[in-house]
Every structure is written in C-alpha cells, then in structure tokens.
Amino acid sequence: ISVVIAAYNEAQTIRKVVSEVREKVNEVIVVNDGSVDNTADLAADAKAQVLNHFLNRGQGAALQTGINFALKQNADIIITYDADNQFKAEEIDEIVKPLLLGNVDVVFGSRFLDSRNQIPKAKKIVLKLAVIVTRLYTGLKVTDTHNGFRAFSARAAKMIQINQDGMAHASEIIEEISKHKLSYKE
C-alpha cells in the first residue's frame, strides 16, 4: 500500500502528515510540486520517498507523477492524500478495506456520509452543486466529487490517466472511472 501526497509549500504540516501516514502503509511518496519552502527536506526527514517537480505544475500533475512511481514500485493499492493535515490517518484502514477484500476498484472518501464534517455552509453548497453536475455528466452517484482522499487498486490506477494538471483532476478522475466502468464505493 502506497500513499501519494502532492505537496506545494506545506512545510507547516508535511512532517506530521507523513509521520502519521507512515504508520498505516508500506510507502509514503511525497511529490514536492515546486515548493519554495523546505517541504521536500521535511518530508524526506519524516522518511517519505520524495519526488520533485522543479516547477509548480498543480495537484493533478503531482498526483499522476506519484501514482506512476507507485505503480513502478509494484504497489497493489495507491491512496491519494492531502498534505494539509485535513485527513485522519486512522481512516486509511477503512478506505483500503473494500480494495483488500476485492469488492471494488476505487474507494472515495466523503465528507458527507456522516455528520462529523465541519464544512462552512457556502462551501457545502458549492460542493453539492458539483455533485449534481458530476452525476448528470458521468452517471456516477457520489456524495463528494472533490475529496482528495481516495484509494485505487493497481488495476484502476493503471487505467486512470490524469491529464488535468490543476484542480480539475478531481472531476477527471470520476470521468475516468465512468469511462472505464470501474467499480467504486464511498
């Protein structure tokens, strides 16, 4: 199990994030996406494998770089995880379980499956509108289209190609899942 973390100027959080995640997985891959702070050094100090983009290309490009690397390392499961400390490492077990059981190809985290989320009302409205557009466009019934906490089987990761360098990659991943008829769960 490999975790891919796209990081751009995350010196404040990256050491903590990598340290917590390392306890749950076999490999942590941080793609330092052109940071001008010491994100890369702190990630390496926390025992992450660090890949560097010398220019800031965007989260989509960083994730694709990390996923490609994880596949070359023969990862069976690849998790995408944000560098800003908004996720909880203890939820990794829950997100990989359906993949380990062979039930699905992709597992999405969702901020809307229970009442624990603390999302501001305006952001919640925007995210819900994105869900509606995604359902109309792809036919996939998800509750949170732009959550960066995802897990892919190696098979799915090989099929999904992220071409959108910036934040549009979140919608693109869902489009790829629909296009390749991959099974998924939230």
Protein backbone atom coordinates (compact mmCIF):
# COMPACT_ATOMS: atom_id res chain seq x y z
CA ILE A 1 0.00 0.00 0.00
CA SER A 2 1.44 3.33 -1.10
CA VAL A 3 0.22 6.82 -0.27
CA VAL A 4 0.79 9.64 -2.74
CA ILE A 5 0.83 13.14 -1.29
CA ALA A 6 1.00 16.16 -3.59
CA ALA A 7 2.69 18.97 -1.68
CA TYR A 8 3.22 22.62 -2.52
CA ASN A 9 4.70 24.80 0.24
CA GLU A 10 3.43 22.53 3.04
CA ALA A 11 6.37 22.93 5.46
CA GLN A 12 3.95 23.63 8.31
CA THR A 13 2.21 20.24 8.07
CA ILE A 14 4.16 17.77 5.91
CA ARG A 15 6.30 16.21 8.65
CA LYS A 16 3.24 15.46 10.82
CA VAL A 17 1.22 14.14 7.88
CA VAL A 18 3.99 11.83 6.65
CA SER A 19 4.74 10.56 10.16
CA GLU A 20 1.10 9.69 10.84
CA VAL A 21 0.53 8.06 7.45
CA ARG A 22 3.76 6.02 7.58
CA GLU A 23 2.34 4.01 10.47
CA LYS A 24 -0.52 2.76 8.27
CA VAL A 25 1.12 1.98 4.89
CA ASN A 26 4.20 0.47 3.30
CA GLU A 27 5.38 3.53 1.41
CA VAL A 28 4.76 7.28 1.50
CA ILE A 29 5.50 9.16 -1.70
CA VAL A 30 5.54 12.94 -1.50
CA VAL A 31 5.58 14.81 -4.78
CA ASN A 32 7.09 18.17 -3.97
CA ASP A 33 5.38 20.30 -6.60
CA GLY A 34 7.84 23.18 -6.97
CA SER A 35 7.73 24.31 -3.35
CA VAL A 36 9.87 27.31 -2.43
CA ASP A 37 9.97 26.35 1.25
CA ASN A 38 11.60 23.27 2.83
CA THR A 39 8.68 20.90 2.21
CA ALA A 40 10.92 18.38 0.41
CA ASP A 41 13.54 18.26 3.17
CA LEU A 42 10.94 17.87 5.91
CA ALA A 43 9.17 15.09 4.00
CA ALA A 44 12.47 13.26 3.48
CA ASP A 45 13.34 13.69 7.18
CA ALA A 46 10.00 12.04 8.01
CA LYS A 47 11.05 9.06 5.84
CA ALA A 48 8.95 9.74 2.74
CA GLN A 49 10.17 8.97 -0.75
CA VAL A 50 10.35 12.47 -2.27
CA LEU A 51 9.89 13.19 -5.96
CA ASN A 52 10.42 16.75 -7.15
CA HIS A 53 8.71 18.86 -9.76
CA PHE A 54 11.05 21.78 -10.24
CA LEU A 55 8.13 23.99 -11.29
CA ASN A 56 4.70 24.10 -9.69
CA ARG A 57 2.57 22.07 -12.11
CA GLY A 58 -0.53 21.61 -9.97
CA GLN A 59 -2.07 18.92 -7.84
CA GLY A 60 -3.29 16.77 -10.74
CA ALA A 61 0.19 16.59 -12.28
CA ALA A 62 1.76 15.84 -8.89
CA LEU A 63 -0.69 13.02 -8.20
CA GLN A 64 -0.08 11.46 -11.62
CA THR A 65 3.69 11.60 -11.04
CA GLY A 66 3.27 9.88 -7.66
CA ILE A 67 0.83 7.28 -8.96
CA ASN A 68 3.16 6.39 -11.84
CA PHE A 69 6.03 5.98 -9.37
CA ALA A 70 3.93 3.83 -7.03
CA LEU A 71 2.95 1.57 -9.92
CA LYS A 72 6.62 1.18 -10.88
CA GLN A 73 7.25 0.14 -7.26
CA ASN A 74 4.56 -2.56 -7.69
CA ALA A 75 2.04 -1.03 -5.29
CA ASP A 76 -1.14 -3.07 -5.02
CA ILE A 77 -3.15 -0.18 -3.60
CA ILE A 78 -2.49 3.53 -4.07
CA ILE A 79 -4.04 6.16 -1.82
CA THR A 80 -4.15 9.87 -2.61
CA TYR A 81 -3.89 12.01 0.48
CA ASP A 82 -3.70 15.77 1.06
CA ALA A 83 -0.63 17.40 2.60
CA ASP A 84 -2.50 20.00 4.66
CA ASN A 85 -3.41 17.73 7.59
CA GLN A 86 -7.15 17.72 6.91
CA PHE A 87 -7.45 13.93 6.78
CA LYS A 88 -7.10 11.39 9.58
CA ALA A 89 -4.53 8.64 9.10
CA GLU A 90 -6.62 6.22 11.18
CA GLU A 91 -9.22 6.26 8.36
CA ILE A 92 -6.74 4.63 5.96
CA ASP A 93 -7.72 1.17 7.22
CA GLU A 94 -11.34 1.91 6.39
CA ILE A 95 -10.67 3.26 2.90
CA VAL A 96 -8.50 0.30 1.83
CA LYS A 97 -10.69 -2.47 3.28
CA PRO A 98 -13.03 -2.78 0.24
CA LEU A 99 -9.97 -3.00 -2.02
CA LEU A 100 -8.29 -5.64 0.12
CA LEU A 101 -11.50 -7.68 0.01
CA GLY A 102 -11.59 -7.31 -3.78
CA ASN A 103 -15.05 -5.72 -3.68
CA VAL A 104 -14.30 -2.63 -5.80
CA ASP A 105 -11.64 -0.90 -7.91
CA VAL A 106 -11.82 2.55 -6.28
CA VAL A 107 -12.84 3.89 -2.88
CA PHE A 108 -13.66 7.57 -2.34
CA GLY A 109 -13.55 9.37 0.96
CA SER A 110 -16.60 11.57 1.52
CA ARG A 111 -17.24 14.49 3.81
CA PHE A 112 -20.99 13.93 3.52
CA LEU A 113 -21.58 10.35 4.68
CA ASP A 114 -21.94 11.34 8.31
CA SER A 115 -22.36 14.43 10.43
CA ARG A 116 -18.73 14.80 11.53
CA ASN A 117 -17.84 17.31 8.81
CA GLN A 118 -17.35 20.96 9.70
CA ILE A 119 -17.71 22.48 6.25
CA PRO A 120 -18.83 26.12 6.01
CA LYS A 121 -22.33 26.48 4.53
CA ALA A 122 -21.22 28.35 1.37
CA LYS A 123 -18.58 25.71 0.57
CA LYS A 124 -21.09 22.93 1.26
CA ILE A 125 -23.48 24.45 -1.32
CA VAL A 126 -20.72 24.65 -3.96
CA LEU A 127 -19.70 21.04 -3.28
CA LYS A 128 -23.29 19.82 -3.52
CA LEU A 129 -23.69 21.61 -6.87
CA ALA A 130 -20.54 19.86 -8.10
CA VAL A 131 -22.09 16.53 -7.10
CA ILE A 132 -25.19 17.27 -9.18
CA VAL A 133 -23.13 18.25 -12.23
CA THR A 134 -20.96 15.14 -11.84
CA ARG A 135 -23.99 12.86 -11.63
CA LEU A 136 -25.51 14.42 -14.75
CA TYR A 137 -22.24 14.21 -16.67
CA THR A 138 -20.89 10.81 -15.59
CA GLY A 139 -23.85 8.96 -14.13
CA LEU A 140 -21.82 8.14 -11.01
CA LYS A 141 -23.67 8.57 -7.75
CA VAL A 142 -21.12 10.04 -5.39
CA THR A 143 -21.71 12.42 -2.49
CA ASP A 144 -18.38 14.28 -2.63
CA THR A 145 -16.72 14.86 -6.00
CA HIS A 146 -13.75 16.90 -4.80
CA ASN A 147 -12.43 14.94 -1.84
CA GLY A 148 -8.72 14.18 -2.22
CA PHE A 149 -8.83 11.06 -0.02
CA ARG A 150 -9.13 8.15 -2.47
CA ALA A 151 -7.80 4.63 -2.84
CA PHE A 152 -7.23 2.77 -6.11
CA SER A 153 -6.40 -0.81 -6.92
CA ALA A 154 -3.29 -1.07 -9.11
CA ARG A 155 -5.57 -2.14 -11.95
CA ALA A 156 -7.66 1.03 -11.63
CA ALA A 157 -4.60 3.27 -11.18
CA LYS A 158 -3.17 1.94 -14.45
CA MET A 159 -6.40 2.79 -16.31
CA ILE A 160 -6.98 6.25 -14.84
CA GLN A 161 -4.86 8.89 -16.53
CA ILE A 162 -4.85 12.37 -15.01
CA ASN A 163 -4.24 14.93 -17.74
CA GLN A 164 -5.55 17.97 -15.88
CA ASP A 165 -2.60 19.46 -14.04
CA GLY A 166 -4.64 21.66 -11.71
CA MET A 167 -7.67 21.05 -9.51
CA ALA A 168 -9.87 19.87 -12.39
CA HIS A 169 -8.23 16.47 -11.89
CA ALA A 170 -10.85 15.57 -9.25
CA SER A 171 -13.63 15.65 -11.83
CA GLU A 172 -11.39 13.99 -14.39
CA ILE A 173 -10.77 11.02 -12.08
CA ILE A 174 -14.53 10.48 -11.77
CA GLU A 175 -14.90 10.75 -15.55
CA GLU A 176 -12.16 8.12 -15.97
CA ILE A 177 -13.90 5.77 -13.53
CA SER A 178 -17.11 6.12 -15.53
CA LYS A 179 -15.32 5.73 -18.88
CA HIS A 180 -13.55 2.53 -17.82
CA LYS A 181 -16.60 1.20 -15.95
CA LEU A 182 -14.61 0.73 -12.76
CA SER A 183 -16.46 -0.29 -9.63
CA TYR A 184 -16.39 2.17 -6.74
CA LYS A 185 -17.57 2.82 -3.23
CA GLU A 186 -17.56 5.79 -0.86
